[in-house]
Protein backbone atom coordinates (compact mmCIF):
# COMPACT_ATOMS: atom_id res chain seq x y z
CA UNK A 1 0.00 0.00 0.00
CA UNK A 2 1.32 3.46 -0.87
CA UNK A 3 1.19 6.08 1.91
CA UNK A 4 2.34 9.66 2.51
CA UNK A 5 4.00 10.15 5.91
CA UNK A 6 2.54 12.91 8.06
CA UNK A 7 5.54 13.00 10.42
CA UNK A 8 9.12 11.77 10.56
CA UNK A 9 9.45 8.19 11.81
CA UNK A 10 12.81 6.64 12.69
CA UNK A 11 13.61 3.71 10.45
CA UNK A 12 10.62 4.41 8.19
CA UNK A 13 11.01 7.83 6.56
CA UNK A 14 10.67 11.58 6.79
CA UNK A 15 7.69 13.92 6.67
CA UNK A 16 6.14 13.94 3.20
CA UNK A 17 7.81 10.79 1.93
CA UNK A 18 5.78 8.65 -0.45
CA UNK A 19 6.38 5.06 0.67
CA UNK A 20 5.25 1.63 -0.39
CA UNK A 21 4.63 -0.27 2.89
CA UNK A 22 2.90 -3.56 3.67
CA UNK A 23 -0.89 -3.46 3.98
CA UNK A 24 -0.85 -4.64 7.59
CA UNK A 25 1.68 -2.00 8.72
CA UNK A 26 -0.37 0.73 7.07
CA UNK A 27 -3.80 -0.47 8.31
CA UNK A 28 -2.76 -1.42 11.84
CA UNK A 29 -0.17 1.21 12.72
CA UNK A 30 0.28 4.17 10.38
CA UNK A 31 -3.31 5.03 9.44
CA UNK A 32 -5.02 4.64 12.87
CA UNK A 33 -2.34 6.73 14.59
CA UNK A 34 -2.55 9.41 11.86
CA UNK A 35 1.14 9.01 11.07
CA UNK A 36 0.35 8.59 7.37
CA UNK A 37 -2.46 8.97 4.86
CA UNK A 38 -3.23 6.76 1.90
CA UNK A 39 -1.51 7.97 -1.26
CA UNK A 40 -4.45 8.58 -3.57
CA UNK A 41 -4.52 11.41 -6.12
CA UNK A 42 -6.52 13.74 -3.85
CA UNK A 43 -4.13 13.36 -0.88
CA UNK A 44 -1.06 13.79 -3.11
CA UNK A 45 -2.43 17.04 -4.59
CA UNK A 46 -3.40 18.28 -1.13
CA UNK A 47 0.07 17.55 0.23
CA UNK A 48 1.79 19.27 -2.72
CA UNK A 49 -0.38 22.36 -2.20
CA UNK A 50 0.45 22.46 1.52
CA UNK A 51 4.15 22.08 0.71
CA UNK A 52 4.06 25.01 -1.76
CA UNK A 53 2.17 27.21 0.73
CA UNK A 54 4.67 26.41 3.48
CA UNK A 55 7.59 27.22 1.17
CA UNK A 56 6.10 30.60 0.23
CA UNK A 57 5.42 31.43 3.87
CA UNK A 58 8.99 30.48 4.83
CA UNK A 59 10.37 32.63 1.99
CA UNK A 60 8.35 35.66 3.09
CA UNK A 61 9.35 35.14 6.72
CA UNK A 62 13.04 34.90 5.78
CA UNK A 63 12.83 38.19 3.85
CA UNK A 64 11.30 39.90 6.90
CA UNK A 65 14.02 38.51 9.17
CA UNK A 66 16.75 39.60 6.73
CA UNK A 67 15.32 43.14 6.71
CA UNK A 68 15.28 43.11 10.51
CA UNK A 69 18.89 41.88 10.49
CA UNK A 70 20.01 44.69 8.16
CA UNK A 71 18.29 47.22 10.41
CA UNK A 72 19.99 45.68 13.44
CA UNK A 73 23.40 45.76 11.70
CA UNK A 74 23.26 49.56 11.56
CA UNK A 75 23.09 49.76 15.36
CA UNK A 76 26.17 50.47 17.44
CA UNK A 77 26.22 50.10 21.20
CA UNK A 78 28.44 52.01 23.59
CA UNK A 79 29.22 50.35 26.91
CA UNK A 80 31.10 52.23 29.61
CA UNK A 81 33.46 50.05 31.61
CA UNK A 82 35.39 50.86 34.75
CA UNK A 83 39.15 50.82 34.19
CA UNK A 84 42.24 51.01 36.35
CA UNK A 85 45.72 52.19 35.55
CA UNK A 86 47.09 51.40 32.09
CA UNK A 87 43.45 51.23 30.88
CA UNK A 88 43.05 47.70 32.28
CA UNK A 89 39.35 46.83 32.65
CA UNK A 90 37.78 45.67 35.89
CA UNK A 91 35.55 42.74 34.95
CA UNK A 92 34.37 42.29 31.37
CA UNK A 93 31.55 42.97 28.92
CA UNK A 94 29.33 39.90 28.51
CA UNK A 95 26.50 38.86 26.20
CA UNK A 96 24.05 40.00 28.89
CA UNK A 97 25.44 43.54 28.75
CA UNK A 98 25.18 43.55 24.96
CA UNK A 99 21.58 42.25 25.13
CA UNK A 100 20.68 45.05 27.54
CA UNK A 101 22.26 47.60 25.19
CA UNK A 102 20.24 46.21 22.29
CA UNK A 103 17.07 46.37 24.40
CA UNK A 104 17.71 50.08 25.01
CA UNK A 105 17.93 50.52 21.22
CA UNK A 106 14.58 48.73 20.79
CA UNK A 107 15.78 45.27 19.73
CA UNK A 108 14.86 42.30 21.91
CA UNK A 109 17.44 39.54 21.53
CA UNK A 110 18.00 36.47 23.65
CA UNK A 111 21.49 36.72 25.15
CA UNK A 112 22.22 33.13 24.08
CA UNK A 113 21.89 34.22 20.43
CA UNK A 114 24.77 36.68 20.76
CA UNK A 115 27.86 34.96 19.34
CA UNK A 116 30.51 35.96 21.87
CA UNK A 117 33.31 33.41 22.17
CA UNK A 118 34.78 35.05 25.27
CA UNK A 119 33.74 38.09 27.29
CA UNK A 120 35.25 41.35 26.05
CA UNK A 121 38.12 42.44 28.32
CA UNK A 122 39.61 45.28 26.26
CA UNK A 123 38.60 48.83 25.40
CA UNK A 124 37.84 49.56 21.76
CA UNK A 125 35.38 48.62 19.03
CA UNK A 126 34.35 45.00 18.56
CA UNK A 127 32.18 43.43 15.84
CA UNK A 128 29.73 40.95 17.42
CA UNK A 129 27.51 38.53 15.49
CA UNK A 130 23.89 38.03 16.55
CA UNK A 131 22.14 34.87 15.33
CA UNK A 132 18.57 35.39 14.13
CA UNK A 133 16.05 32.74 13.04
CA UNK A 134 16.25 31.11 9.58
CA UNK A 135 20.09 31.12 9.56
CA UNK A 136 20.27 34.93 9.34
CA UNK A 137 23.15 36.65 11.14
CA UNK A 138 23.43 40.36 11.96
CA UNK A 139 26.71 42.01 12.97
CA UNK A 140 26.63 44.87 15.46
CA UNK A 141 29.40 47.20 16.59
CA UNK A 142 30.09 47.33 20.32
CA UNK A 143 32.18 50.26 21.54
CA UNK A 144 33.73 49.68 24.97
CA UNK A 145 34.81 53.01 26.46
CA UNK A 146 36.25 54.24 29.72
CA UNK A 147 33.66 55.14 32.37
CA UNK A 148 33.95 58.82 33.24
CA UNK A 149 34.64 59.27 36.94
CA UNK A 150 32.63 61.99 38.57
CA UNK A 151 35.08 62.62 41.35
CA UNK A 152 35.67 66.27 41.82
CA UNK A 153 38.77 67.10 43.73
CA UNK A 154 37.97 69.27 46.70
CA UNK A 155 39.68 72.62 46.57
CA UNK A 156 42.22 72.92 49.39
CA UNK A 157 40.97 75.22 52.14
CA UNK A 158 43.75 77.40 53.40
C-alpha atoms as a PDB file:
ATOM      1  CA  UNK A   1       0.000   0.000   0.000  1.00  0.00           C
ATOM      2  CA  UNK A   2       1.316   3.462  -0.867  1.00  0.00           C
ATOM      3  CA  UNK A   3       1.185   6.079   1.907  1.00  0.00           C
ATOM      4  CA  UNK A   4       2.342   9.655   2.507  1.00  0.00           C
ATOM      5  CA  UNK A   5       3.995  10.151   5.907  1.00  0.00           C
ATOM      6  CA  UNK A   6       2.542  12.914   8.062  1.00  0.00           C
ATOM      7  CA  UNK A   7       5.543  13.000  10.419  1.00  0.00           C
ATOM      8  CA  UNK A   8       9.120  11.769  10.560  1.00  0.00           C
ATOM      9  CA  UNK A   9       9.449   8.192  11.811  1.00  0.00           C
ATOM     10  CA  UNK A  10      12.808   6.640  12.695  1.00  0.00           C
ATOM     11  CA  UNK A  11      13.611   3.713  10.450  1.00  0.00           C
ATOM     12  CA  UNK A  12      10.621   4.405   8.190  1.00  0.00           C
ATOM     13  CA  UNK A  13      11.007   7.825   6.563  1.00  0.00           C
ATOM     14  CA  UNK A  14      10.671  11.582   6.790  1.00  0.00           C
ATOM     15  CA  UNK A  15       7.692  13.921   6.667  1.00  0.00           C
ATOM     16  CA  UNK A  16       6.140  13.942   3.203  1.00  0.00           C
ATOM     17  CA  UNK A  17       7.813  10.794   1.929  1.00  0.00           C
ATOM     18  CA  UNK A  18       5.781   8.651  -0.454  1.00  0.00           C
ATOM     19  CA  UNK A  19       6.382   5.058   0.673  1.00  0.00           C
ATOM     20  CA  UNK A  20       5.247   1.630  -0.385  1.00  0.00           C
ATOM     21  CA  UNK A  21       4.630  -0.275   2.885  1.00  0.00           C
ATOM     22  CA  UNK A  22       2.896  -3.559   3.673  1.00  0.00           C
ATOM     23  CA  UNK A  23      -0.888  -3.460   3.978  1.00  0.00           C
ATOM     24  CA  UNK A  24      -0.847  -4.637   7.588  1.00  0.00           C
ATOM     25  CA  UNK A  25       1.680  -1.996   8.721  1.00  0.00           C
ATOM     26  CA  UNK A  26      -0.372   0.733   7.066  1.00  0.00           C
ATOM     27  CA  UNK A  27      -3.800  -0.465   8.308  1.00  0.00           C
ATOM     28  CA  UNK A  28      -2.756  -1.422  11.843  1.00  0.00           C
ATOM     29  CA  UNK A  29      -0.169   1.213  12.717  1.00  0.00           C
ATOM     30  CA  UNK A  30       0.277   4.171  10.378  1.00  0.00           C
ATOM     31  CA  UNK A  31      -3.308   5.032   9.435  1.00  0.00           C
ATOM     32  CA  UNK A  32      -5.022   4.635  12.869  1.00  0.00           C
ATOM     33  CA  UNK A  33      -2.337   6.726  14.592  1.00  0.00           C
ATOM     34  CA  UNK A  34      -2.554   9.410  11.863  1.00  0.00           C
ATOM     35  CA  UNK A  35       1.144   9.009  11.074  1.00  0.00           C
ATOM     36  CA  UNK A  36       0.347   8.590   7.374  1.00  0.00           C
ATOM     37  CA  UNK A  37      -2.461   8.970   4.860  1.00  0.00           C
ATOM     38  CA  UNK A  38      -3.234   6.764   1.904  1.00  0.00           C
ATOM     39  CA  UNK A  39      -1.506   7.975  -1.259  1.00  0.00           C
ATOM     40  CA  UNK A  40      -4.452   8.583  -3.568  1.00  0.00           C
ATOM     41  CA  UNK A  41      -4.521  11.409  -6.120  1.00  0.00           C
ATOM     42  CA  UNK A  42      -6.519  13.740  -3.845  1.00  0.00           C
ATOM     43  CA  UNK A  43      -4.130  13.359  -0.881  1.00  0.00           C
ATOM     44  CA  UNK A  44      -1.059  13.793  -3.113  1.00  0.00           C
ATOM     45  CA  UNK A  45      -2.434  17.042  -4.594  1.00  0.00           C
ATOM     46  CA  UNK A  46      -3.402  18.284  -1.127  1.00  0.00           C
ATOM     47  CA  UNK A  47       0.067  17.548   0.227  1.00  0.00           C
ATOM     48  CA  UNK A  48       1.792  19.269  -2.721  1.00  0.00           C
ATOM     49  CA  UNK A  49      -0.375  22.361  -2.197  1.00  0.00           C
ATOM     50  CA  UNK A  50       0.449  22.462   1.518  1.00  0.00           C
ATOM     51  CA  UNK A  51       4.145  22.082   0.712  1.00  0.00           C
ATOM     52  CA  UNK A  52       4.057  25.009  -1.760  1.00  0.00           C
ATOM     53  CA  UNK A  53       2.170  27.206   0.727  1.00  0.00           C
ATOM     54  CA  UNK A  54       4.666  26.414   3.483  1.00  0.00           C
ATOM     55  CA  UNK A  55       7.588  27.217   1.168  1.00  0.00           C
ATOM     56  CA  UNK A  56       6.100  30.598   0.228  1.00  0.00           C
ATOM     57  CA  UNK A  57       5.419  31.430   3.875  1.00  0.00           C
ATOM     58  CA  UNK A  58       8.985  30.481   4.830  1.00  0.00           C
ATOM     59  CA  UNK A  59      10.372  32.627   1.992  1.00  0.00           C
ATOM     60  CA  UNK A  60       8.346  35.655   3.093  1.00  0.00           C
ATOM     61  CA  UNK A  61       9.351  35.137   6.720  1.00  0.00           C
ATOM     62  CA  UNK A  62      13.037  34.901   5.780  1.00  0.00           C
ATOM     63  CA  UNK A  63      12.828  38.192   3.848  1.00  0.00           C
ATOM     64  CA  UNK A  64      11.296  39.897   6.898  1.00  0.00           C
ATOM     65  CA  UNK A  65      14.020  38.514   9.174  1.00  0.00           C
ATOM     66  CA  UNK A  66      16.755  39.599   6.727  1.00  0.00           C
ATOM     67  CA  UNK A  67      15.317  43.140   6.706  1.00  0.00           C
ATOM     68  CA  UNK A  68      15.281  43.113  10.508  1.00  0.00           C
ATOM     69  CA  UNK A  69      18.894  41.882  10.486  1.00  0.00           C
ATOM     70  CA  UNK A  70      20.008  44.695   8.160  1.00  0.00           C
ATOM     71  CA  UNK A  71      18.295  47.215  10.409  1.00  0.00           C
ATOM     72  CA  UNK A  72      19.994  45.675  13.444  1.00  0.00           C
ATOM     73  CA  UNK A  73      23.399  45.758  11.703  1.00  0.00           C
ATOM     74  CA  UNK A  74      23.263  49.559  11.556  1.00  0.00           C
ATOM     75  CA  UNK A  75      23.091  49.761  15.359  1.00  0.00           C
ATOM     76  CA  UNK A  76      26.166  50.473  17.437  1.00  0.00           C
ATOM     77  CA  UNK A  77      26.218  50.097  21.200  1.00  0.00           C
ATOM     78  CA  UNK A  78      28.442  52.014  23.589  1.00  0.00           C
ATOM     79  CA  UNK A  79      29.219  50.349  26.909  1.00  0.00           C
ATOM     80  CA  UNK A  80      31.100  52.226  29.613  1.00  0.00           C
ATOM     81  CA  UNK A  81      33.464  50.051  31.612  1.00  0.00           C
ATOM     82  CA  UNK A  82      35.395  50.856  34.750  1.00  0.00           C
ATOM     83  CA  UNK A  83      39.148  50.823  34.185  1.00  0.00           C
ATOM     84  CA  UNK A  84      42.244  51.012  36.353  1.00  0.00           C
ATOM     85  CA  UNK A  85      45.719  52.187  35.552  1.00  0.00           C
ATOM     86  CA  UNK A  86      47.090  51.397  32.091  1.00  0.00           C
ATOM     87  CA  UNK A  87      43.450  51.228  30.883  1.00  0.00           C
ATOM     88  CA  UNK A  88      43.046  47.701  32.283  1.00  0.00           C
ATOM     89  CA  UNK A  89      39.347  46.826  32.652  1.00  0.00           C
ATOM     90  CA  UNK A  90      37.778  45.669  35.892  1.00  0.00           C
ATOM     91  CA  UNK A  91      35.550  42.736  34.948  1.00  0.00           C
ATOM     92  CA  UNK A  92      34.369  42.290  31.368  1.00  0.00           C
ATOM     93  CA  UNK A  93      31.548  42.972  28.919  1.00  0.00           C
ATOM     94  CA  UNK A  94      29.331  39.902  28.513  1.00  0.00           C
ATOM     95  CA  UNK A  95      26.503  38.860  26.204  1.00  0.00           C
ATOM     96  CA  UNK A  96      24.050  39.997  28.888  1.00  0.00           C
ATOM     97  CA  UNK A  97      25.442  43.544  28.749  1.00  0.00           C
ATOM     98  CA  UNK A  98      25.175  43.554  24.959  1.00  0.00           C
ATOM     99  CA  UNK A  99      21.581  42.248  25.127  1.00  0.00           C
ATOM    100  CA  UNK A 100      20.679  45.052  27.544  1.00  0.00           C
ATOM    101  CA  UNK A 101      22.263  47.598  25.190  1.00  0.00           C
ATOM    102  CA  UNK A 102      20.237  46.213  22.289  1.00  0.00           C
ATOM    103  CA  UNK A 103      17.069  46.373  24.404  1.00  0.00           C
ATOM    104  CA  UNK A 104      17.711  50.076  25.010  1.00  0.00           C
ATOM    105  CA  UNK A 105      17.932  50.520  21.223  1.00  0.00           C
ATOM    106  CA  UNK A 106      14.577  48.732  20.792  1.00  0.00           C
ATOM    107  CA  UNK A 107      15.778  45.266  19.728  1.00  0.00           C
ATOM    108  CA  UNK A 108      14.860  42.300  21.908  1.00  0.00           C
ATOM    109  CA  UNK A 109      17.437  39.540  21.534  1.00  0.00           C
ATOM    110  CA  UNK A 110      18.001  36.468  23.652  1.00  0.00           C
ATOM    111  CA  UNK A 111      21.493  36.717  25.150  1.00  0.00           C
ATOM    112  CA  UNK A 112      22.223  33.133  24.080  1.00  0.00           C
ATOM    113  CA  UNK A 113      21.885  34.216  20.426  1.00  0.00           C
ATOM    114  CA  UNK A 114      24.766  36.684  20.761  1.00  0.00           C
ATOM    115  CA  UNK A 115      27.855  34.963  19.341  1.00  0.00           C
ATOM    116  CA  UNK A 116      30.505  35.964  21.870  1.00  0.00           C
ATOM    117  CA  UNK A 117      33.306  33.407  22.168  1.00  0.00           C
ATOM    118  CA  UNK A 118      34.782  35.045  25.265  1.00  0.00           C
ATOM    119  CA  UNK A 119      33.744  38.091  27.294  1.00  0.00           C
ATOM    120  CA  UNK A 120      35.254  41.351  26.050  1.00  0.00           C
ATOM    121  CA  UNK A 121      38.116  42.445  28.322  1.00  0.00           C
ATOM    122  CA  UNK A 122      39.605  45.284  26.263  1.00  0.00           C
ATOM    123  CA  UNK A 123      38.599  48.827  25.400  1.00  0.00           C
ATOM    124  CA  UNK A 124      37.839  49.562  21.762  1.00  0.00           C
ATOM    125  CA  UNK A 125      35.384  48.620  19.031  1.00  0.00           C
ATOM    126  CA  UNK A 126      34.345  45.001  18.563  1.00  0.00           C
ATOM    127  CA  UNK A 127      32.175  43.426  15.842  1.00  0.00           C
ATOM    128  CA  UNK A 128      29.733  40.952  17.415  1.00  0.00           C
ATOM    129  CA  UNK A 129      27.509  38.527  15.488  1.00  0.00           C
ATOM    130  CA  UNK A 130      23.890  38.030  16.548  1.00  0.00           C
ATOM    131  CA  UNK A 131      22.138  34.871  15.329  1.00  0.00           C
ATOM    132  CA  UNK A 132      18.570  35.392  14.126  1.00  0.00           C
ATOM    133  CA  UNK A 133      16.054  32.741  13.042  1.00  0.00           C
ATOM    134  CA  UNK A 134      16.254  31.111   9.585  1.00  0.00           C
ATOM    135  CA  UNK A 135      20.092  31.120   9.562  1.00  0.00           C
ATOM    136  CA  UNK A 136      20.272  34.934   9.342  1.00  0.00           C
ATOM    137  CA  UNK A 137      23.148  36.648  11.144  1.00  0.00           C
ATOM    138  CA  UNK A 138      23.434  40.357  11.961  1.00  0.00           C
ATOM    139  CA  UNK A 139      26.710  42.008  12.966  1.00  0.00           C
ATOM    140  CA  UNK A 140      26.627  44.866  15.461  1.00  0.00           C
ATOM    141  CA  UNK A 141      29.402  47.201  16.590  1.00  0.00           C
ATOM    142  CA  UNK A 142      30.089  47.330  20.321  1.00  0.00           C
ATOM    143  CA  UNK A 143      32.184  50.260  21.541  1.00  0.00           C
ATOM    144  CA  UNK A 144      33.733  49.677  24.970  1.00  0.00           C
ATOM    145  CA  UNK A 145      34.814  53.010  26.458  1.00  0.00           C
ATOM    146  CA  UNK A 146      36.254  54.241  29.718  1.00  0.00           C
ATOM    147  CA  UNK A 147      33.660  55.136  32.366  1.00  0.00           C
ATOM    148  CA  UNK A 148      33.947  58.824  33.243  1.00  0.00           C
ATOM    149  CA  UNK A 149      34.637  59.266  36.938  1.00  0.00           C
ATOM    150  CA  UNK A 150      32.630  61.990  38.575  1.00  0.00           C
ATOM    151  CA  UNK A 151      35.078  62.617  41.355  1.00  0.00           C
ATOM    152  CA  UNK A 152      35.666  66.268  41.816  1.00  0.00           C
ATOM    153  CA  UNK A 153      38.766  67.096  43.731  1.00  0.00           C
ATOM    154  CA  UNK A 154      37.973  69.265  46.699  1.00  0.00           C
ATOM    155  CA  UNK A 155      39.675  72.623  46.575  1.00  0.00           C
ATOM    156  CA  UNK A 156      42.218  72.922  49.387  1.00  0.00           C
ATOM    157  CA  UNK A 157      40.968  75.219  52.143  1.00  0.00           C
ATOM    158  CA  UNK A 158      43.747  77.405  53.403  1.00  0.00           C
END
